[in-house]
Amino acid sequence: MELLEYLYAGSRIKITGMENIIETNGLTKKYKDFIAVDNITFSVKAGEIFAFLGPNGAGKTTTIKMLTTLASPTSGTISINGYDPIKQQEETRASFGIVFQDPSLDDELTAYENLDFHGMLYGVAKNQRKERIEQMLKFVELWDRRKDLVKHFSGGMKRRLEIARGFIHHPKILFLDEPTIGLDPQTRDHIWTYVKKLNKEEGITVFLTTHYMEEAEKVSQKIAIIDHGKIVAQGTSQELKEKTGAGTLEEAFLSLTGKELREEKPGAIEGMRQRNRMWHKR
């Protein structure tokens, strides 16, 4: 109990003995006549690393938005750490950290200031915040750069800092949306080393999306594949390969989702840039 009391001291997160920390049942999201997520049901066990895979436009981002209180479902239910994201948004948000696909750090702040500001937003007490920031910056090997402005960091350093920031308030769940996109293989390997270590040492549940099939196969205990808004398969990497008669997870993925090219949808920040360019053309 001493370790649990230390890890969750001062947090607003309840420690539960539940087996499934994430549960969805019949989850659906419609935009007028378009069904982005179509009646999906899945669960994630506490302490599990869960990969949520799918082609572009398959419904991954919409699902994550519903799980993280950024969008309301049209129908169906969600439970995050025992909370309803629609009725208990504050408690739900305190239960998770998130690393977005698009960068979300403040480049004009130092590494320390980014984490300190995030900790204040989540109500972490000042003395606990100071200790936690040092702990996490040392963990991702950025303590020596704590006073440097983030705008001078490489892409890999920013990703490491975002992961550290996601853990400041001792979340039970970490959502990782394409966390290693655009990074070199060495940096990607380091990122997953950090994530797996946190999963093991703090019992954190990890919900990830990635287009790198070898990453999903290497780090996750369970995988769900979504396509056209529907979950088409769930199981371990080995179970998915056996189901499709494939030799690799990538082959199994292609067997389940097809080989046609999918349109790349812009991320949140790129979407804002596109709207801004259109506005100035008027």
Foldseek 3Di string as FASTA:
>chain_A
DVVVCLLQPQAPADDDPDQFQKWWAQFWADDVPATQAGGETDTFGQLFAEEEEEAASLNPVVVVCCQLLNDPTPDIFMHHRNDGCVPPVLNSNSQWFEDDPDQDFDQAAFLQVRLLVLCVVRPRDPVLLVVLSCVLCVLLVNNVRRRPGNVPDDLLVSLSSSVSSGCSNSHQEYEYEQSCPPHDPVSVVSVLVSVQVCSVPSSHYYYYYHPPQVVCLPRGQKYWYGGSNYTQDIGHQVVLCVVQVHPGSVVSNCSRHPDDHDDHDDDPVVVVVVVVVVVVVD
